Amino acid sequence: MVGYSGFNKYKWVAFFLAPSLLGLLTFIVLPMLASIGFALTDWTLPRQPNFIGLQNFQNLLNSAQFWNALRFTVLFILLYVPSVFVAALALGMFFNRKLPG
């Protein structure tokens, strides 16, 4: 192509990538950074945030309610996921058989 430079090509690449990168930044990266900031503070809405470091995580690991919820979540995953997999595989094999005629 006459007059087609490599720099011009990269401008088009940036033009087409910009919307998806902006969406990635807006909906994934910024909320993730904000949640890290929230996790490291003791912040109730009327007051100013108070930096407490990893104290929230220490409180979580010392909570019996957390360990109970984690136990039920793991149990649910260990029972539910294999049963859904087996049921889906059985249905797939059932509907994949040859029909007469």
N, C-alpha and C. Protein backbone atom coordinates (compact mmCIF):
# COMPACT_ATOMS: atom_id res chain seq x y z
N MET A 1 0.84 -1.17 0.00
CA MET A 1 0.00 0.00 0.00
C MET A 1 0.89 1.25 0.00
N VAL A 2 0.61 2.15 -0.85
CA VAL A 2 1.42 3.35 -0.98
C VAL A 2 1.11 4.30 0.17
N GLY A 3 2.16 4.79 0.82
CA GLY A 3 1.98 5.75 1.89
C GLY A 3 1.48 5.15 3.20
N TYR A 4 1.54 3.84 3.33
CA TYR A 4 1.05 3.19 4.55
C TYR A 4 2.24 2.92 5.46
N SER A 5 2.34 3.66 6.54
CA SER A 5 3.49 3.51 7.43
C SER A 5 3.12 2.67 8.64
N GLY A 6 4.15 2.16 9.31
CA GLY A 6 3.94 1.36 10.51
C GLY A 6 3.30 2.17 11.62
N PHE A 7 3.66 3.44 11.72
CA PHE A 7 3.09 4.30 12.77
C PHE A 7 1.59 4.47 12.56
N ASN A 8 1.18 4.63 11.34
CA ASN A 8 -0.24 4.78 11.03
C ASN A 8 -1.00 3.51 11.42
N LYS A 9 -0.37 2.36 11.21
CA LYS A 9 -0.98 1.08 11.58
C LYS A 9 -1.22 1.03 13.09
N TYR A 10 -0.25 1.47 13.88
CA TYR A 10 -0.38 1.41 15.34
C TYR A 10 -1.43 2.40 15.85
N LYS A 11 -1.64 3.50 15.14
CA LYS A 11 -2.71 4.41 15.54
C LYS A 11 -4.06 3.72 15.41
N TRP A 12 -4.25 2.94 14.36
CA TRP A 12 -5.51 2.22 14.18
C TRP A 12 -5.68 1.13 15.23
N VAL A 13 -4.59 0.46 15.56
CA VAL A 13 -4.65 -0.57 16.61
C VAL A 13 -5.05 0.07 17.93
N ALA A 14 -4.44 1.19 18.26
CA ALA A 14 -4.78 1.89 19.50
C ALA A 14 -6.22 2.39 19.46
N PHE A 15 -6.67 2.83 18.31
CA PHE A 15 -8.05 3.31 18.17
C PHE A 15 -9.06 2.20 18.46
N PHE A 16 -8.79 0.99 17.98
CA PHE A 16 -9.73 -0.11 18.18
C PHE A 16 -9.58 -0.75 19.56
N LEU A 17 -8.41 -0.67 20.16
CA LEU A 17 -8.22 -1.24 21.50
C LEU A 17 -8.66 -0.31 22.62
N ALA A 18 -8.71 0.97 22.37
CA ALA A 18 -9.02 1.94 23.42
C ALA A 18 -10.35 1.69 24.12
N PRO A 19 -11.46 1.41 23.43
CA PRO A 19 -12.72 1.18 24.16
C PRO A 19 -12.67 -0.02 25.10
N SER A 20 -12.07 -1.12 24.64
CA SER A 20 -12.02 -2.29 25.51
C SER A 20 -11.06 -2.07 26.68
N LEU A 21 -9.97 -1.38 26.45
CA LEU A 21 -9.05 -1.09 27.55
C LEU A 21 -9.66 -0.12 28.54
N LEU A 22 -10.43 0.82 28.05
CA LEU A 22 -11.13 1.75 28.94
C LEU A 22 -12.16 1.01 29.79
N GLY A 23 -12.90 0.08 29.17
CA GLY A 23 -13.85 -0.73 29.92
C GLY A 23 -13.17 -1.61 30.94
N LEU A 24 -12.04 -2.22 30.57
CA LEU A 24 -11.28 -3.04 31.50
C LEU A 24 -10.80 -2.22 32.68
N LEU A 25 -10.30 -1.05 32.42
CA LEU A 25 -9.84 -0.17 33.49
C LEU A 25 -11.00 0.26 34.38
N THR A 26 -12.13 0.63 33.76
CA THR A 26 -13.27 1.15 34.51
C THR A 26 -13.96 0.09 35.35
N PHE A 27 -14.16 -1.09 34.80
CA PHE A 27 -14.99 -2.08 35.47
C PHE A 27 -14.21 -3.19 36.18
N ILE A 28 -12.90 -3.28 35.98
CA ILE A 28 -12.13 -4.33 36.64
C ILE A 28 -10.99 -3.76 37.48
N VAL A 29 -10.12 -2.98 36.88
CA VAL A 29 -8.91 -2.54 37.58
C VAL A 29 -9.24 -1.54 38.69
N LEU A 30 -9.99 -0.50 38.39
CA LEU A 30 -10.30 0.50 39.42
C LEU A 30 -11.12 -0.06 40.58
N PRO A 31 -12.17 -0.87 40.34
CA PRO A 31 -12.87 -1.46 41.49
C PRO A 31 -11.99 -2.41 42.31
N MET A 32 -11.08 -3.12 41.65
CA MET A 32 -10.18 -4.00 42.38
C MET A 32 -9.25 -3.19 43.28
N LEU A 33 -8.72 -2.11 42.78
CA LEU A 33 -7.86 -1.26 43.61
C LEU A 33 -8.65 -0.61 44.74
N ALA A 34 -9.89 -0.21 44.47
CA ALA A 34 -10.73 0.37 45.53
C ALA A 34 -11.03 -0.66 46.60
N SER A 35 -11.29 -1.91 46.22
CA SER A 35 -11.60 -2.93 47.22
C SER A 35 -10.38 -3.24 48.08
N ILE A 36 -9.20 -3.17 47.52
CA ILE A 36 -7.99 -3.35 48.33
C ILE A 36 -7.88 -2.21 49.33
N GLY A 37 -8.16 -0.99 48.88
CA GLY A 37 -8.15 0.15 49.80
C GLY A 37 -9.19 0.03 50.90
N PHE A 38 -10.39 -0.42 50.55
CA PHE A 38 -11.44 -0.61 51.56
C PHE A 38 -11.07 -1.70 52.55
N ALA A 39 -10.41 -2.76 52.08
CA ALA A 39 -10.05 -3.87 52.95
C ALA A 39 -9.01 -3.46 53.99
N LEU A 40 -8.24 -2.46 53.69
CA LEU A 40 -7.17 -2.04 54.61
C LEU A 40 -7.60 -0.90 55.53
N THR A 41 -8.87 -0.53 55.51
CA THR A 41 -9.34 0.55 56.37
C THR A 41 -10.53 0.10 57.19
N ASP A 42 -10.76 0.83 58.27
CA ASP A 42 -11.96 0.66 59.08
C ASP A 42 -12.82 1.88 58.79
N TRP A 43 -13.78 1.72 57.88
CA TRP A 43 -14.50 2.87 57.37
C TRP A 43 -15.99 2.67 57.51
N THR A 44 -16.60 3.46 58.37
CA THR A 44 -18.05 3.56 58.40
C THR A 44 -18.40 4.89 57.76
N LEU A 45 -19.51 4.95 57.07
CA LEU A 45 -19.78 6.06 56.17
C LEU A 45 -19.78 7.46 56.78
N PRO A 46 -20.32 7.70 57.97
CA PRO A 46 -20.28 9.09 58.44
C PRO A 46 -18.87 9.56 58.82
N ARG A 47 -17.98 8.63 59.14
CA ARG A 47 -16.63 9.01 59.57
C ARG A 47 -15.64 8.94 58.43
N GLN A 48 -14.46 9.46 58.69
CA GLN A 48 -13.37 9.37 57.74
C GLN A 48 -12.75 7.97 57.82
N PRO A 49 -12.17 7.47 56.72
CA PRO A 49 -11.53 6.15 56.78
C PRO A 49 -10.33 6.16 57.71
N ASN A 50 -10.18 5.06 58.43
CA ASN A 50 -9.07 4.90 59.36
C ASN A 50 -8.25 3.70 58.91
N PHE A 51 -6.98 3.92 58.54
CA PHE A 51 -6.13 2.83 58.06
C PHE A 51 -5.79 1.89 59.20
N ILE A 52 -6.11 0.59 59.02
CA ILE A 52 -5.81 -0.40 60.06
C ILE A 52 -4.98 -1.55 59.52
N GLY A 53 -4.56 -1.50 58.28
CA GLY A 53 -3.70 -2.53 57.72
C GLY A 53 -4.42 -3.86 57.57
N LEU A 54 -3.79 -4.93 58.06
CA LEU A 54 -4.33 -6.27 57.89
C LEU A 54 -5.23 -6.71 59.05
N GLN A 55 -5.64 -5.79 59.89
CA GLN A 55 -6.47 -6.13 61.05
C GLN A 55 -7.80 -6.75 60.63
N ASN A 56 -8.40 -6.29 59.54
CA ASN A 56 -9.65 -6.88 59.07
C ASN A 56 -9.48 -8.36 58.74
N PHE A 57 -8.35 -8.70 58.12
CA PHE A 57 -8.11 -10.10 57.76
C PHE A 57 -7.81 -10.94 59.00
N GLN A 58 -7.14 -10.36 59.97
CA GLN A 58 -6.89 -11.07 61.22
C GLN A 58 -8.21 -11.34 61.94
N ASN A 59 -9.10 -10.36 61.96
CA ASN A 59 -10.42 -10.55 62.57
C ASN A 59 -11.20 -11.63 61.84
N LEU A 60 -11.09 -11.65 60.53
CA LEU A 60 -11.79 -12.66 59.74
C LEU A 60 -11.29 -14.06 60.05
N LEU A 61 -9.99 -14.23 60.12
CA LEU A 61 -9.43 -15.55 60.39
C LEU A 61 -9.69 -16.02 61.81
N ASN A 62 -9.96 -15.11 62.72
CA ASN A 62 -10.28 -15.47 64.10
C ASN A 62 -11.78 -15.65 64.33
N SER A 63 -12.59 -15.48 63.30
CA SER A 63 -14.04 -15.55 63.44
C SER A 63 -14.54 -16.98 63.21
N ALA A 64 -15.31 -17.50 64.17
CA ALA A 64 -15.89 -18.83 64.02
C ALA A 64 -16.94 -18.84 62.91
N GLN A 65 -17.63 -17.74 62.73
CA GLN A 65 -18.65 -17.63 61.68
C GLN A 65 -18.02 -17.78 60.30
N PHE A 66 -16.84 -17.21 60.10
CA PHE A 66 -16.14 -17.33 58.82
C PHE A 66 -15.78 -18.78 58.53
N TRP A 67 -15.22 -19.47 59.53
CA TRP A 67 -14.80 -20.85 59.31
C TRP A 67 -16.01 -21.75 59.07
N ASN A 68 -17.12 -21.48 59.73
CA ASN A 68 -18.34 -22.25 59.50
C ASN A 68 -18.85 -22.02 58.07
N ALA A 69 -18.86 -20.78 57.63
CA ALA A 69 -19.29 -20.47 56.26
C ALA A 69 -18.36 -21.10 55.24
N LEU A 70 -17.06 -21.07 55.51
CA LEU A 70 -16.09 -21.66 54.59
C LEU A 70 -16.29 -23.17 54.50
N ARG A 71 -16.55 -23.80 55.64
CA ARG A 71 -16.76 -25.25 55.67
C ARG A 71 -17.99 -25.62 54.83
N PHE A 72 -19.09 -24.90 54.99
CA PHE A 72 -20.29 -25.20 54.22
C PHE A 72 -20.09 -24.90 52.73
N THR A 73 -19.33 -23.88 52.41
CA THR A 73 -19.07 -23.55 51.01
C THR A 73 -18.26 -24.65 50.34
N VAL A 74 -17.21 -25.11 51.02
CA VAL A 74 -16.38 -26.19 50.46
C VAL A 74 -17.20 -27.47 50.33
N LEU A 75 -18.00 -27.78 51.33
CA LEU A 75 -18.85 -28.97 51.27
C LEU A 75 -19.84 -28.87 50.11
N PHE A 76 -20.44 -27.72 49.93
CA PHE A 76 -21.37 -27.50 48.82
C PHE A 76 -20.68 -27.71 47.48
N ILE A 77 -19.48 -27.15 47.34
CA ILE A 77 -18.75 -27.29 46.08
C ILE A 77 -18.38 -28.74 45.83
N LEU A 78 -17.92 -29.44 46.86
CA LEU A 78 -17.50 -30.83 46.69
C LEU A 78 -18.68 -31.75 46.37
N LEU A 79 -19.87 -31.41 46.79
CA LEU A 79 -21.04 -32.23 46.49
C LEU A 79 -21.77 -31.78 45.22
N TYR A 80 -21.89 -30.50 45.02
CA TYR A 80 -22.71 -29.96 43.93
C TYR A 80 -22.02 -30.09 42.57
N VAL A 81 -20.77 -29.69 42.48
CA VAL A 81 -20.09 -29.67 41.18
C VAL A 81 -19.99 -31.07 40.58
N PRO A 82 -19.53 -32.08 41.31
CA PRO A 82 -19.50 -33.42 40.69
C PRO A 82 -20.88 -33.95 40.33
N SER A 83 -21.89 -33.68 41.16
CA SER A 83 -23.23 -34.19 40.84
C SER A 83 -23.79 -33.52 39.59
N VAL A 84 -23.57 -32.24 39.41
CA VAL A 84 -24.02 -31.56 38.19
C VAL A 84 -23.24 -32.06 36.98
N PHE A 85 -21.96 -32.31 37.15
CA PHE A 85 -21.14 -32.84 36.06
C PHE A 85 -21.64 -34.21 35.63
N VAL A 86 -21.90 -35.10 36.59
CA VAL A 86 -22.38 -36.44 36.27
C VAL A 86 -23.76 -36.37 35.62
N ALA A 87 -24.65 -35.54 36.15
CA ALA A 87 -25.99 -35.41 35.57
C ALA A 87 -25.92 -34.87 34.14
N ALA A 88 -25.08 -33.87 33.90
CA ALA A 88 -24.96 -33.31 32.55
C ALA A 88 -24.35 -34.33 31.60
N LEU A 89 -23.37 -35.08 32.05
CA LEU A 89 -22.76 -36.11 31.21
C LEU A 89 -23.77 -37.21 30.89
N ALA A 90 -24.56 -37.62 31.88
CA ALA A 90 -25.58 -38.65 31.66
C ALA A 90 -26.64 -38.17 30.67
N LEU A 91 -27.10 -36.94 30.82
CA LEU A 91 -28.08 -36.40 29.87
C LEU A 91 -27.49 -36.28 28.46
N GLY A 92 -26.25 -35.86 28.39
CA GLY A 92 -25.59 -35.76 27.08
C GLY A 92 -25.46 -37.10 26.41
N MET A 93 -25.09 -38.12 27.18
CA MET A 93 -24.98 -39.47 26.61
C MET A 93 -26.35 -40.01 26.21
N PHE A 94 -27.36 -39.70 27.01
CA PHE A 94 -28.72 -40.16 26.71
C PHE A 94 -29.23 -39.55 25.40
N PHE A 95 -29.04 -38.27 25.22
CA PHE A 95 -29.55 -37.61 24.02
C PHE A 95 -28.65 -37.78 22.81
N ASN A 96 -27.48 -38.35 22.99
CA ASN A 96 -26.55 -38.55 21.88
C ASN A 96 -26.72 -39.93 21.24
N ARG A 97 -27.60 -40.74 21.73
CA ARG A 97 -27.76 -42.10 21.19
C ARG A 97 -28.44 -42.05 19.82
N LYS A 98 -28.27 -43.14 19.08
CA LYS A 98 -28.89 -43.25 17.76
C LYS A 98 -30.38 -43.50 17.91
N LEU A 99 -31.16 -42.81 17.13
CA LEU A 99 -32.60 -42.99 17.13
C LEU A 99 -32.99 -43.94 16.00
N PRO A 100 -33.97 -44.79 16.23
CA PRO A 100 -34.37 -45.71 15.16
C PRO A 100 -35.01 -44.95 13.98
N GLY A 101 -34.69 -45.42 12.79
CA GLY A 101 -35.33 -44.85 11.61
C GLY A 101 -34.49 -44.04 10.77
